[in-house]
Amino acid sequence: MLQHDHLLEWRTIEKNVMLGLEIQNKLTPAAKEKVLNMLKTYGLYKFKDARPSQLSGGMRQRAALIRTLALEPEILLLDEPFSALDYQTRLTVGDDIGSIIKKEQKTAILVTHDLSEAVSLGSQVLVLSKRPATIKSIVDISFPENISPLERRNSTEFKDYFNEIWKELNDDE
């Protein structure tokens, strides 16, 4: 899942989320039913006949995630998926996407420059060195199981994780 959703304007949302299945020749009745159920579960079913330009940025990102999940990947790579969104939408969509990934029980690698995003969505943060990038440190993130990414930002542990990662990023030794 990339920075931009790459939804095709000439296709409906339903056709967009089925695109990967079509390309891989896996668009079976069972796969189609599963995708339609994901559209229902994640609040996009009533927009299935809409065009991408008729959806908000957050809705478009949810559609892009459903398109990705339809292929049943073992690991998701999220390459700055929220960077094209305004701050308030980033928070909401990050919360939505984090909850969806957790509900679908998927492993995801999130590439981000936003420390708050990394701490609120991650279970581990890998801090990379300057070029050529190597893993400088790994910070294990632990919050109570039942809190959302948005709620993590308001927890007492959030500031400590943020400061630890900030220090690692700015330690030039």
N, C-alpha and C. Protein backbone atom coordinates (compact mmCIF):
# COMPACT_ATOMS: atom_id res chain seq x y z
N MET A 1 0.86 -1.16 0.00
CA MET A 1 0.00 0.00 0.00
C MET A 1 0.91 1.22 0.00
N LEU A 2 0.73 2.07 -0.98
CA LEU A 2 1.64 3.17 -1.21
C LEU A 2 1.08 4.51 -0.72
N GLN A 3 1.89 5.57 -0.88
CA GLN A 3 1.48 6.91 -0.46
C GLN A 3 0.18 7.33 -1.13
N HIS A 4 0.08 7.05 -2.40
CA HIS A 4 -1.12 7.38 -3.17
C HIS A 4 -1.87 6.08 -3.41
N ASP A 5 -3.18 6.16 -3.39
CA ASP A 5 -3.99 4.94 -3.45
C ASP A 5 -4.00 4.27 -4.82
N HIS A 6 -3.69 4.99 -5.87
CA HIS A 6 -3.67 4.45 -7.23
C HIS A 6 -4.98 3.75 -7.62
N LEU A 7 -6.09 4.29 -7.13
CA LEU A 7 -7.39 3.81 -7.58
C LEU A 7 -7.63 4.37 -8.97
N LEU A 8 -8.24 3.57 -9.82
CA LEU A 8 -8.48 3.97 -11.21
C LEU A 8 -9.83 4.66 -11.31
N GLU A 9 -9.82 5.90 -11.79
CA GLU A 9 -11.02 6.73 -11.82
C GLU A 9 -12.13 6.14 -12.69
N TRP A 10 -11.77 5.42 -13.73
CA TRP A 10 -12.79 4.89 -14.63
C TRP A 10 -13.42 3.60 -14.10
N ARG A 11 -12.97 3.14 -12.95
CA ARG A 11 -13.56 1.95 -12.34
C ARG A 11 -14.29 2.34 -11.06
N THR A 12 -15.35 1.64 -10.74
CA THR A 12 -16.05 1.87 -9.47
C THR A 12 -15.15 1.39 -8.33
N ILE A 13 -15.53 1.73 -7.11
CA ILE A 13 -14.77 1.27 -5.94
C ILE A 13 -14.80 -0.26 -5.89
N GLU A 14 -15.94 -0.86 -6.16
CA GLU A 14 -16.02 -2.32 -6.17
C GLU A 14 -15.04 -2.91 -7.18
N LYS A 15 -15.01 -2.36 -8.38
CA LYS A 15 -14.10 -2.86 -9.42
C LYS A 15 -12.64 -2.59 -9.05
N ASN A 16 -12.37 -1.46 -8.40
CA ASN A 16 -11.02 -1.14 -7.96
C ASN A 16 -10.51 -2.13 -6.93
N VAL A 17 -11.35 -2.47 -5.94
CA VAL A 17 -10.88 -3.37 -4.88
C VAL A 17 -10.74 -4.81 -5.38
N MET A 18 -11.36 -5.11 -6.50
CA MET A 18 -11.25 -6.46 -7.08
C MET A 18 -10.13 -6.55 -8.12
N LEU A 19 -9.48 -5.45 -8.43
CA LEU A 19 -8.50 -5.41 -9.51
C LEU A 19 -7.37 -6.43 -9.35
N GLY A 20 -6.77 -6.51 -8.17
CA GLY A 20 -5.68 -7.47 -7.95
C GLY A 20 -6.13 -8.89 -8.17
N LEU A 21 -7.33 -9.20 -7.71
CA LEU A 21 -7.87 -10.55 -7.91
C LEU A 21 -8.07 -10.83 -9.40
N GLU A 22 -8.56 -9.82 -10.13
CA GLU A 22 -8.73 -9.98 -11.58
C GLU A 22 -7.39 -10.24 -12.26
N ILE A 23 -6.40 -9.42 -11.93
CA ILE A 23 -5.08 -9.55 -12.56
C ILE A 23 -4.47 -10.92 -12.29
N GLN A 24 -4.65 -11.41 -11.08
CA GLN A 24 -4.09 -12.72 -10.71
C GLN A 24 -5.01 -13.88 -11.07
N ASN A 25 -6.10 -13.56 -11.76
CA ASN A 25 -7.08 -14.57 -12.16
C ASN A 25 -7.60 -15.37 -10.96
N LYS A 26 -7.89 -14.65 -9.87
CA LYS A 26 -8.39 -15.26 -8.63
C LYS A 26 -9.75 -14.72 -8.23
N LEU A 27 -10.46 -14.12 -9.18
CA LEU A 27 -11.76 -13.51 -8.87
C LEU A 27 -12.85 -14.58 -8.91
N THR A 28 -12.86 -15.41 -7.87
CA THR A 28 -13.86 -16.46 -7.73
C THR A 28 -15.09 -15.88 -7.02
N PRO A 29 -16.22 -16.58 -7.08
CA PRO A 29 -17.38 -16.10 -6.31
C PRO A 29 -17.08 -15.96 -4.81
N ALA A 30 -16.30 -16.87 -4.25
CA ALA A 30 -15.95 -16.80 -2.83
C ALA A 30 -15.08 -15.58 -2.54
N ALA A 31 -14.11 -15.30 -3.42
CA ALA A 31 -13.24 -14.14 -3.24
C ALA A 31 -14.04 -12.85 -3.36
N LYS A 32 -14.95 -12.81 -4.32
CA LYS A 32 -15.79 -11.62 -4.51
C LYS A 32 -16.66 -11.39 -3.28
N GLU A 33 -17.24 -12.45 -2.73
CA GLU A 33 -18.07 -12.34 -1.54
C GLU A 33 -17.25 -11.82 -0.35
N LYS A 34 -16.02 -12.32 -0.23
CA LYS A 34 -15.15 -11.88 0.86
C LYS A 34 -14.86 -10.38 0.74
N VAL A 35 -14.58 -9.91 -0.46
CA VAL A 35 -14.27 -8.50 -0.67
C VAL A 35 -15.51 -7.64 -0.39
N LEU A 36 -16.67 -8.09 -0.84
CA LEU A 36 -17.90 -7.34 -0.56
C LEU A 36 -18.15 -7.27 0.95
N ASN A 37 -17.84 -8.34 1.66
CA ASN A 37 -17.98 -8.33 3.12
C ASN A 37 -17.01 -7.35 3.76
N MET A 38 -15.78 -7.26 3.22
CA MET A 38 -14.82 -6.28 3.75
C MET A 38 -15.33 -4.86 3.48
N LEU A 39 -15.92 -4.62 2.31
CA LEU A 39 -16.50 -3.30 2.03
C LEU A 39 -17.58 -2.97 3.06
N LYS A 40 -18.39 -3.96 3.43
CA LYS A 40 -19.43 -3.74 4.44
C LYS A 40 -18.81 -3.48 5.80
N THR A 41 -17.87 -4.34 6.19
CA THR A 41 -17.23 -4.24 7.51
C THR A 41 -16.53 -2.91 7.71
N TYR A 42 -15.89 -2.40 6.65
CA TYR A 42 -15.08 -1.20 6.79
C TYR A 42 -15.75 0.05 6.22
N GLY A 43 -17.09 0.00 6.12
CA GLY A 43 -17.88 1.19 5.85
C GLY A 43 -17.86 1.73 4.44
N LEU A 44 -17.54 0.89 3.46
CA LEU A 44 -17.49 1.38 2.07
C LEU A 44 -18.52 0.73 1.16
N TYR A 45 -19.33 -0.17 1.69
CA TYR A 45 -20.26 -0.91 0.83
C TYR A 45 -21.24 0.02 0.10
N LYS A 46 -21.74 1.04 0.80
CA LYS A 46 -22.71 1.92 0.14
C LYS A 46 -22.05 2.82 -0.92
N PHE A 47 -20.72 2.78 -0.98
CA PHE A 47 -19.98 3.55 -1.99
C PHE A 47 -19.39 2.64 -3.07
N LYS A 48 -19.80 1.37 -3.10
CA LYS A 48 -19.20 0.41 -4.03
C LYS A 48 -19.39 0.80 -5.49
N ASP A 49 -20.44 1.55 -5.80
CA ASP A 49 -20.68 1.97 -7.18
C ASP A 49 -20.16 3.38 -7.47
N ALA A 50 -19.52 3.99 -6.48
CA ALA A 50 -18.97 5.33 -6.65
C ALA A 50 -17.62 5.27 -7.36
N ARG A 51 -17.19 6.41 -7.86
CA ARG A 51 -15.86 6.55 -8.47
C ARG A 51 -14.92 7.07 -7.39
N PRO A 52 -13.63 6.80 -7.50
CA PRO A 52 -12.68 7.26 -6.48
C PRO A 52 -12.77 8.75 -6.16
N SER A 53 -13.01 9.59 -7.15
CA SER A 53 -13.08 11.03 -6.90
C SER A 53 -14.27 11.43 -6.02
N GLN A 54 -15.21 10.52 -5.83
CA GLN A 54 -16.38 10.80 -5.00
C GLN A 54 -16.14 10.45 -3.53
N LEU A 55 -14.97 9.91 -3.21
CA LEU A 55 -14.65 9.49 -1.85
C LEU A 55 -13.64 10.45 -1.22
N SER A 56 -13.65 10.49 0.10
CA SER A 56 -12.64 11.27 0.82
C SER A 56 -11.30 10.54 0.74
N GLY A 57 -10.24 11.24 1.11
CA GLY A 57 -8.91 10.64 1.09
C GLY A 57 -8.83 9.41 1.99
N GLY A 58 -9.44 9.48 3.16
CA GLY A 58 -9.43 8.35 4.08
C GLY A 58 -10.19 7.15 3.53
N MET A 59 -11.32 7.41 2.90
CA MET A 59 -12.10 6.33 2.30
C MET A 59 -11.32 5.67 1.16
N ARG A 60 -10.62 6.48 0.40
CA ARG A 60 -9.80 5.95 -0.70
C ARG A 60 -8.70 5.05 -0.15
N GLN A 61 -8.08 5.46 0.97
CA GLN A 61 -7.02 4.63 1.57
C GLN A 61 -7.59 3.32 2.09
N ARG A 62 -8.79 3.35 2.67
CA ARG A 62 -9.43 2.10 3.11
C ARG A 62 -9.70 1.20 1.93
N ALA A 63 -10.15 1.78 0.81
CA ALA A 63 -10.38 0.98 -0.41
C ALA A 63 -9.07 0.36 -0.89
N ALA A 64 -7.99 1.14 -0.86
CA ALA A 64 -6.68 0.61 -1.28
C ALA A 64 -6.24 -0.53 -0.36
N LEU A 65 -6.51 -0.40 0.94
CA LEU A 65 -6.16 -1.47 1.86
C LEU A 65 -7.00 -2.72 1.60
N ILE A 66 -8.28 -2.55 1.35
CA ILE A 66 -9.14 -3.70 1.04
C ILE A 66 -8.63 -4.39 -0.23
N ARG A 67 -8.25 -3.61 -1.23
CA ARG A 67 -7.69 -4.19 -2.47
C ARG A 67 -6.46 -5.03 -2.15
N THR A 68 -5.62 -4.54 -1.25
CA THR A 68 -4.43 -5.27 -0.85
C THR A 68 -4.79 -6.52 -0.06
N LEU A 69 -5.69 -6.39 0.91
CA LEU A 69 -6.08 -7.53 1.74
C LEU A 69 -6.81 -8.61 0.95
N ALA A 70 -7.47 -8.23 -0.12
CA ALA A 70 -8.20 -9.20 -0.95
C ALA A 70 -7.27 -10.28 -1.49
N LEU A 71 -6.00 -9.93 -1.66
CA LEU A 71 -5.02 -10.89 -2.18
C LEU A 71 -4.45 -11.80 -1.10
N GLU A 72 -4.90 -11.59 0.13
CA GLU A 72 -4.49 -12.39 1.28
C GLU A 72 -2.96 -12.49 1.42
N PRO A 73 -2.29 -11.35 1.47
CA PRO A 73 -0.83 -11.38 1.63
C PRO A 73 -0.45 -11.81 3.04
N GLU A 74 0.73 -12.41 3.16
CA GLU A 74 1.23 -12.78 4.48
C GLU A 74 1.71 -11.54 5.24
N ILE A 75 2.33 -10.62 4.50
CA ILE A 75 2.88 -9.40 5.09
C ILE A 75 2.43 -8.20 4.24
N LEU A 76 2.06 -7.13 4.91
CA LEU A 76 1.70 -5.89 4.23
C LEU A 76 2.87 -4.92 4.33
N LEU A 77 3.20 -4.26 3.23
CA LEU A 77 4.18 -3.18 3.25
C LEU A 77 3.42 -1.89 3.04
N LEU A 78 3.45 -1.03 4.04
CA LEU A 78 2.77 0.26 3.98
C LEU A 78 3.83 1.34 3.85
N ASP A 79 4.00 1.87 2.65
CA ASP A 79 5.03 2.86 2.38
C ASP A 79 4.46 4.26 2.49
N GLU A 80 4.59 4.86 3.66
CA GLU A 80 4.05 6.18 3.96
C GLU A 80 2.61 6.34 3.44
N PRO A 81 1.72 5.44 3.83
CA PRO A 81 0.37 5.45 3.26
C PRO A 81 -0.49 6.65 3.63
N PHE A 82 -0.08 7.41 4.65
CA PHE A 82 -0.90 8.53 5.11
C PHE A 82 -0.32 9.89 4.73
N SER A 83 0.82 9.90 4.05
CA SER A 83 1.53 11.16 3.81
C SER A 83 0.77 12.13 2.91
N ALA A 84 -0.14 11.65 2.09
CA ALA A 84 -0.89 12.54 1.20
C ALA A 84 -2.14 13.12 1.87
N LEU A 85 -2.33 12.79 3.16
CA LEU A 85 -3.54 13.23 3.86
C LEU A 85 -3.23 14.38 4.81
N ASP A 86 -4.24 15.21 5.07
CA ASP A 86 -4.06 16.28 6.05
C ASP A 86 -3.95 15.65 7.44
N TYR A 87 -3.46 16.43 8.41
CA TYR A 87 -3.12 15.88 9.72
C TYR A 87 -4.31 15.21 10.41
N GLN A 88 -5.45 15.87 10.44
CA GLN A 88 -6.61 15.31 11.12
C GLN A 88 -7.04 14.00 10.45
N THR A 89 -7.04 13.98 9.13
CA THR A 89 -7.41 12.77 8.40
C THR A 89 -6.38 11.67 8.63
N ARG A 90 -5.10 12.05 8.70
CA ARG A 90 -4.03 11.07 8.99
C ARG A 90 -4.31 10.34 10.29
N LEU A 91 -4.70 11.10 11.32
CA LEU A 91 -4.97 10.48 12.61
C LEU A 91 -6.12 9.48 12.52
N THR A 92 -7.20 9.91 11.89
CA THR A 92 -8.38 9.06 11.77
C THR A 92 -8.10 7.83 10.91
N VAL A 93 -7.47 8.05 9.76
CA VAL A 93 -7.19 6.94 8.85
C VAL A 93 -6.15 5.99 9.45
N GLY A 94 -5.14 6.55 10.12
CA GLY A 94 -4.16 5.71 10.79
C GLY A 94 -4.83 4.81 11.81
N ASP A 95 -5.77 5.38 12.56
CA ASP A 95 -6.53 4.61 13.54
C ASP A 95 -7.34 3.52 12.84
N ASP A 96 -8.03 3.88 11.75
CA ASP A 96 -8.83 2.91 10.99
C ASP A 96 -7.95 1.78 10.44
N ILE A 97 -6.87 2.16 9.77
CA ILE A 97 -6.01 1.17 9.12
C ILE A 97 -5.36 0.26 10.17
N GLY A 98 -4.89 0.86 11.27
CA GLY A 98 -4.31 0.05 12.35
C GLY A 98 -5.31 -0.95 12.90
N SER A 99 -6.53 -0.52 13.09
CA SER A 99 -7.58 -1.41 13.60
C SER A 99 -7.92 -2.51 12.59
N ILE A 100 -7.97 -2.16 11.32
CA ILE A 100 -8.27 -3.15 10.28
C ILE A 100 -7.17 -4.21 10.23
N ILE A 101 -5.92 -3.78 10.25
CA ILE A 101 -4.80 -4.73 10.20
C ILE A 101 -4.84 -5.66 11.41
N LYS A 102 -5.14 -5.11 12.57
CA LYS A 102 -5.24 -5.93 13.77
C LYS A 102 -6.40 -6.92 13.66
N LYS A 103 -7.55 -6.44 13.20
CA LYS A 103 -8.72 -7.31 13.07
C LYS A 103 -8.47 -8.43 12.06
N GLU A 104 -7.77 -8.12 10.98
CA GLU A 104 -7.48 -9.11 9.94
C GLU A 104 -6.28 -9.98 10.32
N GLN A 105 -5.66 -9.68 11.46
CA GLN A 105 -4.51 -10.42 11.98
C GLN A 105 -3.38 -10.51 10.96
N LYS A 106 -3.00 -9.35 10.43
CA LYS A 106 -1.92 -9.27 9.44
C LYS A 106 -0.68 -8.65 10.06
N THR A 107 0.45 -9.06 9.56
CA THR A 107 1.72 -8.43 9.91
C THR A 107 1.95 -7.33 8.90
N ALA A 108 2.34 -6.17 9.38
CA ALA A 108 2.57 -5.03 8.48
C ALA A 108 3.89 -4.37 8.81
N ILE A 109 4.56 -3.92 7.76
CA ILE A 109 5.76 -3.11 7.90
C ILE A 109 5.36 -1.71 7.42
N LEU A 110 5.45 -0.75 8.33
CA LEU A 110 5.08 0.63 8.03
C LEU A 110 6.35 1.45 7.87
N VAL A 111 6.52 2.04 6.71
CA VAL A 111 7.63 2.96 6.48
C VAL A 111 7.08 4.36 6.69
N THR A 112 7.70 5.10 7.63
CA THR A 112 7.22 6.44 7.93
C THR A 112 8.36 7.30 8.47
N HIS A 113 8.22 8.60 8.28
CA HIS A 113 9.12 9.56 8.90
C HIS A 113 8.47 10.20 10.12
N ASP A 114 7.25 9.82 10.41
CA ASP A 114 6.46 10.39 11.49
C ASP A 114 6.60 9.53 12.74
N LEU A 115 7.34 10.02 13.72
CA LEU A 115 7.57 9.25 14.94
C LEU A 115 6.28 8.92 15.68
N SER A 116 5.37 9.86 15.74
CA SER A 116 4.09 9.62 16.43
C SER A 116 3.32 8.49 15.76
N GLU A 117 3.35 8.48 14.44
CA GLU A 117 2.68 7.42 13.67
C GLU A 117 3.32 6.07 13.98
N ALA A 118 4.65 6.04 14.01
CA ALA A 118 5.36 4.78 14.28
C ALA A 118 5.02 4.25 15.67
N VAL A 119 5.03 5.13 16.66
CA VAL A 119 4.75 4.70 18.03
C VAL A 119 3.30 4.28 18.19
N SER A 120 2.38 5.03 17.60
CA SER A 120 0.96 4.72 17.81
C SER A 120 0.50 3.48 17.05
N LEU A 121 1.18 3.14 15.96
CA LEU A 121 0.74 2.00 15.15
C LEU A 121 1.59 0.74 15.33
N GLY A 122 2.82 0.90 15.82
CA GLY A 122 3.76 -0.21 15.81
C GLY A 122 3.85 -1.02 17.07
N SER A 123 4.44 -2.20 16.93
CA SER A 123 4.82 -3.02 18.07
C SER A 123 6.33 -3.03 18.21
N GLN A 124 7.02 -2.64 17.14
CA GLN A 124 8.46 -2.45 17.14
C GLN A 124 8.77 -1.31 16.20
N VAL A 125 9.75 -0.49 16.57
CA VAL A 125 10.21 0.58 15.68
C VAL A 125 11.68 0.32 15.42
N LEU A 126 12.01 0.20 14.15
CA LEU A 126 13.40 0.05 13.75
C LEU A 126 13.92 1.42 13.34
N VAL A 127 14.91 1.90 14.05
CA VAL A 127 15.51 3.19 13.75
C VAL A 127 16.68 2.94 12.82
N LEU A 128 16.65 3.60 11.67
CA LEU A 128 17.71 3.40 10.67
C LEU A 128 18.75 4.51 10.77
N SER A 129 19.98 4.15 10.40
CA SER A 129 21.07 5.13 10.37
C SER A 129 20.95 5.95 9.09
N LYS A 130 21.84 6.94 8.98
CA LYS A 130 21.92 7.69 7.72
C LYS A 130 22.48 6.76 6.65
N ARG A 131 22.44 7.22 5.42
CA ARG A 131 22.89 6.41 4.29
C ARG A 131 24.33 5.98 4.43
N PRO A 132 24.64 4.78 4.05
CA PRO A 132 23.70 3.73 3.67
C PRO A 132 22.98 3.21 4.92
N ALA A 133 21.69 3.07 4.83
CA ALA A 133 20.85 2.74 5.99
C ALA A 133 21.17 1.35 6.53
N THR A 134 21.37 1.32 7.83
CA THR A 134 21.46 0.06 8.57
C THR A 134 20.57 0.22 9.79
N ILE A 135 20.23 -0.87 10.42
CA ILE A 135 19.40 -0.79 11.62
C ILE A 135 20.26 -0.30 12.76
N LYS A 136 19.93 0.87 13.25
CA LYS A 136 20.68 1.51 14.33
C LYS A 136 20.20 0.99 15.69
N SER A 137 18.89 0.83 15.83
CA SER A 137 18.33 0.29 17.07
C SER A 137 16.91 -0.22 16.81
N ILE A 138 16.46 -1.05 17.73
CA ILE A 138 15.09 -1.57 17.68
C ILE A 138 14.44 -1.23 19.01
N VAL A 139 13.30 -0.56 18.94
CA VAL A 139 12.56 -0.17 20.13
C VAL A 139 11.27 -0.99 20.17
N ASP A 140 11.13 -1.83 21.19
CA ASP A 140 9.90 -2.60 21.36
C ASP A 140 8.84 -1.69 21.97
N ILE A 141 7.65 -1.71 21.37
CA ILE A 141 6.54 -0.86 21.80
C ILE A 141 5.48 -1.76 22.42
N SER A 142 5.03 -1.40 23.61
CA SER A 142 4.02 -2.22 24.28
C SER A 142 2.98 -1.32 24.93
N PHE A 143 1.75 -1.51 24.51
CA PHE A 143 0.61 -0.82 25.09
C PHE A 143 -0.42 -1.87 25.48
N PRO A 144 -1.37 -1.51 26.33
CA PRO A 144 -2.45 -2.47 26.62
C PRO A 144 -3.13 -2.94 25.33
N GLU A 145 -3.49 -4.18 25.28
CA GLU A 145 -4.02 -4.84 24.08
C GLU A 145 -5.25 -4.15 23.49
N ASN A 146 -6.10 -3.62 24.34
CA ASN A 146 -7.41 -3.16 23.87
C ASN A 146 -7.49 -1.68 23.50
N ILE A 147 -6.37 -0.97 23.40
CA ILE A 147 -6.48 0.44 23.04
C ILE A 147 -6.11 0.66 21.57
N SER A 148 -6.79 1.60 20.98
CA SER A 148 -6.60 1.91 19.55
C SER A 148 -5.34 2.72 19.34
N PRO A 149 -4.87 2.80 18.09
CA PRO A 149 -3.71 3.66 17.81
C PRO A 149 -3.92 5.10 18.26
N LEU A 150 -5.12 5.63 18.09
CA LEU A 150 -5.40 7.00 18.51
C LEU A 150 -5.33 7.14 20.03
N GLU A 151 -5.84 6.15 20.74
CA GLU A 151 -5.79 6.17 22.20
C GLU A 151 -4.35 6.03 22.71
N ARG A 152 -3.50 5.32 21.95
CA ARG A 152 -2.10 5.18 22.35
C ARG A 152 -1.43 6.55 22.47
N ARG A 153 -1.80 7.47 21.59
CA ARG A 153 -1.18 8.80 21.58
C ARG A 153 -1.44 9.56 22.88
N ASN A 154 -2.50 9.21 23.59
CA ASN A 154 -2.84 9.88 24.84
C ASN A 154 -2.36 9.14 26.08
N SER A 155 -1.69 8.01 25.89
CA SER A 155 -1.23 7.23 27.03
C SER A 155 0.06 7.81 27.60
N THR A 156 0.35 7.45 28.82
CA THR A 156 1.57 7.95 29.46
C THR A 156 2.83 7.38 28.83
N GLU A 157 2.76 6.16 28.30
CA GLU A 157 3.94 5.52 27.71
C GLU A 157 4.34 6.17 26.38
N PHE A 158 3.39 6.77 25.70
CA PHE A 158 3.63 7.31 24.36
C PHE A 158 4.81 8.28 24.35
N LYS A 159 4.81 9.23 25.26
CA LYS A 159 5.87 10.25 25.33
C LYS A 159 7.23 9.60 25.53
N ASP A 160 7.30 8.58 26.39
CA ASP A 160 8.57 7.91 26.67
C ASP A 160 9.12 7.23 25.41
N TYR A 161 8.25 6.53 24.68
CA TYR A 161 8.69 5.88 23.43
C TYR A 161 9.13 6.92 22.41
N PHE A 162 8.33 7.96 22.27
CA PHE A 162 8.66 9.03 21.33
C PHE A 162 10.03 9.61 21.63
N ASN A 163 10.27 9.94 22.90
CA ASN A 163 11.55 10.55 23.29
C ASN A 163 12.72 9.59 23.09
N GLU A 164 12.52 8.31 23.36
CA GLU A 164 13.57 7.32 23.15
C GLU A 164 13.97 7.25 21.67
N ILE A 165 12.98 7.22 20.80
CA ILE A 165 13.25 7.14 19.36
C ILE A 165 13.86 8.45 18.87
N TRP A 166 13.37 9.58 19.36
CA TRP A 166 13.92 10.88 18.98
C TRP A 166 15.41 10.95 19.33
N LYS A 167 15.74 10.46 20.52
CA LYS A 167 17.13 10.47 20.97
C LYS A 167 17.98 9.59 20.04
N GLU A 168 17.49 8.44 19.68
CA GLU A 168 18.21 7.55 18.77
C GLU A 168 18.45 8.21 17.41
N LEU A 169 17.44 8.90 16.92
CA LEU A 169 17.55 9.55 15.62
C LEU A 169 18.57 10.70 15.63
N ASN A 170 18.70 11.34 16.77
CA ASN A 170 19.57 12.51 16.86
C ASN A 170 20.91 12.23 17.52
N ASP A 171 21.18 10.97 17.81
CA ASP A 171 22.46 10.56 18.39
C ASP A 171 23.43 10.30 17.23
N ASP A 172 24.37 11.19 17.00
CA ASP A 172 25.29 11.08 15.85
C ASP A 172 26.54 10.28 16.15
N GLU A 173 26.61 9.62 17.27
CA GLU A 173 27.82 8.87 17.59
C GLU A 173 27.93 7.61 16.77
